[in-house]
């Protein structure tokens, strides 16, 4: 009987420890996310608040994000076959702020102001939620290469 009780206690400890690790690792550090924002990002999907997804198998434009300190700029660009990018003239400035353990991007144009929340930012994945609850999923763009 004592062996059975010991087994139950050990099992409960393992489950509790696993949950603690899972929960603490589930949220990314906003400062670490900020370091991963800069680069060329290709849209993959948009998830609507009702759960439906729109897939983008191809997009002619990328989002180029540049960040310095707390200030950044997001620009629409089109990749060219020679490895350069064509800027389409559409860009938006933003500031970053860490609030409620999340990285927020605050935009302001002459026409509107809004904020977005960075959900995930790694070397290869970027997910951003906007004020309407849409989640935009991006992958890091890999430049075209042609082998001779």
C-alpha atoms as a PDB file:
ATOM      1  CA  UNK A   1       0.000   0.000   0.000  1.00  0.00           C
ATOM      2  CA  UNK A   2       2.830   2.443   0.759  1.00  0.00           C
ATOM      3  CA  UNK A   3       4.371   1.858  -2.662  1.00  0.00           C
ATOM      4  CA  UNK A   4       1.084   2.767  -4.357  1.00  0.00           C
ATOM      5  CA  UNK A   5       0.836   6.008  -2.331  1.00  0.00           C
ATOM      6  CA  UNK A   6       4.432   6.905  -3.195  1.00  0.00           C
ATOM      7  CA  UNK A   7       3.676   6.298  -6.884  1.00  0.00           C
ATOM      8  CA  UNK A   8       0.660   8.667  -6.757  1.00  0.00           C
ATOM      9  CA  UNK A   9       2.658  11.397  -5.001  1.00  0.00           C
ATOM     10  CA  UNK A  10       5.519  11.120  -7.510  1.00  0.00           C
ATOM     11  CA  UNK A  11       3.119  11.139 -10.453  1.00  0.00           C
ATOM     12  CA  UNK A  12       1.385  14.274  -9.126  1.00  0.00           C
ATOM     13  CA  UNK A  13       4.741  16.010  -8.622  1.00  0.00           C
ATOM     14  CA  UNK A  14       5.813  15.190 -12.173  1.00  0.00           C
ATOM     15  CA  UNK A  15       2.522  16.453 -13.590  1.00  0.00           C
ATOM     16  CA  UNK A  16       2.739  19.675 -11.560  1.00  0.00           C
ATOM     17  CA  UNK A  17       6.358  20.280 -12.584  1.00  0.00           C
ATOM     18  CA  UNK A  18       5.523  19.629 -16.248  1.00  0.00           C
ATOM     19  CA  UNK A  19       2.632  22.094 -16.143  1.00  0.00           C
ATOM     20  CA  UNK A  20       4.824  24.720 -14.510  1.00  0.00           C
ATOM     21  CA  UNK A  21       7.500  24.340 -17.196  1.00  0.00           C
ATOM     22  CA  UNK A  22       4.916  24.367 -19.980  1.00  0.00           C
ATOM     23  CA  UNK A  23       3.197  27.513 -18.706  1.00  0.00           C
ATOM     24  CA  UNK A  24       6.414  29.429 -18.020  1.00  0.00           C
ATOM     25  CA  UNK A  25       7.888  28.561 -21.431  1.00  0.00           C
ATOM     26  CA  UNK A  26       4.698  29.262 -23.337  1.00  0.00           C
ATOM     27  CA  UNK A  27       5.041  33.068 -23.326  1.00  0.00           C
ATOM     28  CA  UNK A  28       7.925  34.717 -25.100  1.00  0.00           C
ATOM     29  CA  UNK A  29       9.941  37.463 -23.485  1.00  0.00           C
ATOM     30  CA  UNK A  30       8.819  40.766 -25.099  1.00  0.00           C
ATOM     31  CA  UNK A  31      12.400  42.115 -25.100  1.00  0.00           C
ATOM     32  CA  UNK A  32      13.569  39.023 -26.967  1.00  0.00           C
ATOM     33  CA  UNK A  33      10.682  39.410 -29.419  1.00  0.00           C
ATOM     34  CA  UNK A  34      11.712  42.995 -30.111  1.00  0.00           C
ATOM     35  CA  UNK A  35      15.179  41.837 -31.147  1.00  0.00           C
ATOM     36  CA  UNK A  36      13.633  39.532 -33.781  1.00  0.00           C
ATOM     37  CA  UNK A  37      11.292  42.071 -35.443  1.00  0.00           C
ATOM     38  CA  UNK A  38      13.658  43.544 -38.019  1.00  0.00           C
ATOM     39  CA  UNK A  39      13.746  41.934 -41.444  1.00  0.00           C
ATOM     40  CA  UNK A  40      11.723  40.973 -44.489  1.00  0.00           C
ATOM     41  CA  UNK A  41       8.481  39.123 -43.650  1.00  0.00           C
ATOM     42  CA  UNK A  42       6.237  37.206 -46.038  1.00  0.00           C
ATOM     43  CA  UNK A  43       2.547  36.832 -45.146  1.00  0.00           C
ATOM     44  CA  UNK A  44       1.374  33.223 -44.777  1.00  0.00           C
ATOM     45  CA  UNK A  45      -2.062  33.347 -43.154  1.00  0.00           C
ATOM     46  CA  UNK A  46      -4.608  35.644 -41.579  1.00  0.00           C
ATOM     47  CA  UNK A  47      -6.799  34.142 -38.870  1.00  0.00           C
ATOM     48  CA  UNK A  48     -10.083  35.940 -38.284  1.00  0.00           C
ATOM     49  CA  UNK A  49     -11.650  36.242 -34.810  1.00  0.00           C
ATOM     50  CA  UNK A  50     -14.203  33.532 -35.702  1.00  0.00           C
ATOM     51  CA  UNK A  51     -11.343  31.082 -36.343  1.00  0.00           C
ATOM     52  CA  UNK A  52     -11.479  31.003 -40.127  1.00  0.00           C
ATOM     53  CA  UNK A  53      -8.145  31.309 -41.921  1.00  0.00           C
ATOM     54  CA  UNK A  54      -7.128  32.843 -45.193  1.00  0.00           C
ATOM     55  CA  UNK A  55      -3.995  31.317 -46.707  1.00  0.00           C
ATOM     56  CA  UNK A  56      -1.593  33.315 -48.846  1.00  0.00           C
ATOM     57  CA  UNK A  57       0.250  30.824 -51.022  1.00  0.00           C
ATOM     58  CA  UNK A  58       1.823  33.729 -52.914  1.00  0.00           C
ATOM     59  CA  UNK A  59       2.173  37.418 -52.210  1.00  0.00           C
ATOM     60  CA  UNK A  60       3.991  39.869 -54.456  1.00  0.00           C
ATOM     61  CA  UNK A  61       4.837  42.155 -51.523  1.00  0.00           C
ATOM     62  CA  UNK A  62       6.682  41.738 -48.257  1.00  0.00           C
ATOM     63  CA  UNK A  63       6.643  43.699 -45.036  1.00  0.00           C
ATOM     64  CA  UNK A  64      10.077  45.128 -44.307  1.00  0.00           C
ATOM     65  CA  UNK A  65      10.406  46.041 -40.641  1.00  0.00           C
ATOM     66  CA  UNK A  66      13.314  48.113 -39.390  1.00  0.00           C
ATOM     67  CA  UNK A  67      13.735  48.901 -35.721  1.00  0.00           C
ATOM     68  CA  UNK A  68      16.129  51.118 -33.813  1.00  0.00           C
ATOM     69  CA  UNK A  69      15.680  51.429 -30.069  1.00  0.00           C
ATOM     70  CA  UNK A  70      11.951  52.088 -29.510  1.00  0.00           C
ATOM     71  CA  UNK A  71      11.161  53.448 -32.982  1.00  0.00           C
ATOM     72  CA  UNK A  72      10.468  51.428 -36.095  1.00  0.00           C
ATOM     73  CA  UNK A  73       9.174  51.569 -39.633  1.00  0.00           C
ATOM     74  CA  UNK A  74       7.124  49.051 -41.605  1.00  0.00           C
ATOM     75  CA  UNK A  75       7.395  49.302 -45.385  1.00  0.00           C
ATOM     76  CA  UNK A  76       5.792  47.338 -48.213  1.00  0.00           C
ATOM     77  CA  UNK A  77       8.427  46.107 -50.659  1.00  0.00           C
ATOM     78  CA  UNK A  78       8.521  43.750 -53.635  1.00  0.00           C
ATOM     79  CA  UNK A  79      11.466  41.373 -54.073  1.00  0.00           C
ATOM     80  CA  UNK A  80      13.294  41.524 -57.406  1.00  0.00           C
ATOM     81  CA  UNK A  81      15.119  38.679 -59.120  1.00  0.00           C
ATOM     82  CA  UNK A  82      18.487  40.420 -58.693  1.00  0.00           C
ATOM     83  CA  UNK A  83      18.147  40.209 -54.891  1.00  0.00           C
ATOM     84  CA  UNK A  84      17.131  43.829 -54.348  1.00  0.00           C
ATOM     85  CA  UNK A  85      13.754  45.172 -53.273  1.00  0.00           C
ATOM     86  CA  UNK A  86      11.396  47.691 -54.834  1.00  0.00           C
ATOM     87  CA  UNK A  87       9.790  50.029 -52.298  1.00  0.00           C
ATOM     88  CA  UNK A  88       6.173  50.823 -53.171  1.00  0.00           C
ATOM     89  CA  UNK A  89       6.182  54.011 -51.107  1.00  0.00           C
ATOM     90  CA  UNK A  90       3.784  52.748 -48.417  1.00  0.00           C
ATOM     91  CA  UNK A  91       5.402  52.886 -45.001  1.00  0.00           C
ATOM     92  CA  UNK A  92       4.209  53.430 -41.463  1.00  0.00           C
ATOM     93  CA  UNK A  93       6.215  54.541 -38.450  1.00  0.00           C
ATOM     94  CA  UNK A  94       5.625  52.925 -35.075  1.00  0.00           C
ATOM     95  CA  UNK A  95       6.940  52.919 -31.538  1.00  0.00           C
ATOM     96  CA  UNK A  96       7.347  49.864 -29.348  1.00  0.00           C
ATOM     97  CA  UNK A  97       6.227  49.508 -25.770  1.00  0.00           C
ATOM     98  CA  UNK A  98       6.160  46.559 -23.393  1.00  0.00           C
ATOM     99  CA  UNK A  99       2.784  46.434 -21.619  1.00  0.00           C
ATOM    100  CA  UNK A 100       1.150  43.623 -19.651  1.00  0.00           C
ATOM    101  CA  UNK A 101       4.082  41.307 -20.503  1.00  0.00           C
ATOM    102  CA  UNK A 102       3.456  41.833 -24.238  1.00  0.00           C
ATOM    103  CA  UNK A 103       5.248  43.740 -26.983  1.00  0.00           C
ATOM    104  CA  UNK A 104       2.965  46.387 -28.500  1.00  0.00           C
ATOM    105  CA  UNK A 105       3.469  48.347 -31.702  1.00  0.00           C
ATOM    106  CA  UNK A 106       1.862  51.807 -31.717  1.00  0.00           C
ATOM    107  CA  UNK A 107       1.198  53.349 -35.123  1.00  0.00           C
ATOM    108  CA  UNK A 108       0.191  56.893 -35.923  1.00  0.00           C
ATOM    109  CA  UNK A 109      -0.570  58.395 -39.324  1.00  0.00           C
ATOM    110  CA  UNK A 110      -2.413  61.582 -40.281  1.00  0.00           C
ATOM    111  CA  UNK A 111      -5.474  59.367 -40.837  1.00  0.00           C
ATOM    112  CA  UNK A 112      -5.510  56.963 -37.877  1.00  0.00           C
ATOM    113  CA  UNK A 113      -3.794  55.646 -34.763  1.00  0.00           C
ATOM    114  CA  UNK A 114      -3.778  52.006 -33.688  1.00  0.00           C
ATOM    115  CA  UNK A 115      -1.826  49.359 -31.847  1.00  0.00           C
ATOM    116  CA  UNK A 116      -0.856  45.784 -32.590  1.00  0.00           C
ATOM    117  CA  UNK A 117       0.353  43.056 -30.256  1.00  0.00           C
ATOM    118  CA  UNK A 118       3.273  40.817 -31.163  1.00  0.00           C
ATOM    119  CA  UNK A 119       2.293  37.264 -30.213  1.00  0.00           C
ATOM    120  CA  UNK A 120       5.383  35.471 -31.561  1.00  0.00           C
ATOM    121  CA  UNK A 121       8.665  36.778 -32.966  1.00  0.00           C
ATOM    122  CA  UNK A 122      11.493  34.344 -33.668  1.00  0.00           C
ATOM    123  CA  UNK A 123      14.210  34.117 -36.303  1.00  0.00           C
ATOM    124  CA  UNK A 124      11.707  32.590 -38.739  1.00  0.00           C
ATOM    125  CA  UNK A 125       8.144  33.300 -37.513  1.00  0.00           C
ATOM    126  CA  UNK A 126       6.220  36.484 -36.751  1.00  0.00           C
ATOM    127  CA  UNK A 127       2.613  36.617 -35.517  1.00  0.00           C
ATOM    128  CA  UNK A 128       0.852  39.909 -34.880  1.00  0.00           C
ATOM    129  CA  UNK A 129      -2.673  40.544 -33.602  1.00  0.00           C
ATOM    130  CA  UNK A 130      -4.432  43.756 -34.638  1.00  0.00           C
ATOM    131  CA  UNK A 131      -7.233  45.720 -32.969  1.00  0.00           C
ATOM    132  CA  UNK A 132      -9.928  43.768 -34.835  1.00  0.00           C
ATOM    133  CA  UNK A 133      -8.578  40.508 -33.405  1.00  0.00           C
ATOM    134  CA  UNK A 134      -7.082  39.299 -36.692  1.00  0.00           C
ATOM    135  CA  UNK A 135      -3.852  37.342 -36.339  1.00  0.00           C
ATOM    136  CA  UNK A 136      -1.343  37.811 -39.135  1.00  0.00           C
ATOM    137  CA  UNK A 137       1.232  35.023 -39.481  1.00  0.00           C
ATOM    138  CA  UNK A 138       4.446  35.708 -41.380  1.00  0.00           C
ATOM    139  CA  UNK A 139       7.536  33.725 -42.242  1.00  0.00           C
ATOM    140  CA  UNK A 140      10.985  35.210 -42.737  1.00  0.00           C
ATOM    141  CA  UNK A 141      11.593  35.846 -46.428  1.00  0.00           C
ATOM    142  CA  UNK A 142      14.469  33.987 -48.070  1.00  0.00           C
ATOM    143  CA  UNK A 143      16.032  35.832 -50.984  1.00  0.00           C
ATOM    144  CA  UNK A 144      15.935  34.301 -54.428  1.00  0.00           C
ATOM    145  CA  UNK A 145      19.059  32.374 -55.383  1.00  0.00           C
ATOM    146  CA  UNK A 146      19.913  31.060 -58.799  1.00  0.00           C
ATOM    147  CA  UNK A 147      22.700  28.538 -59.175  1.00  0.00           C
ATOM    148  CA  UNK A 148      24.672  28.554 -62.414  1.00  0.00           C
END
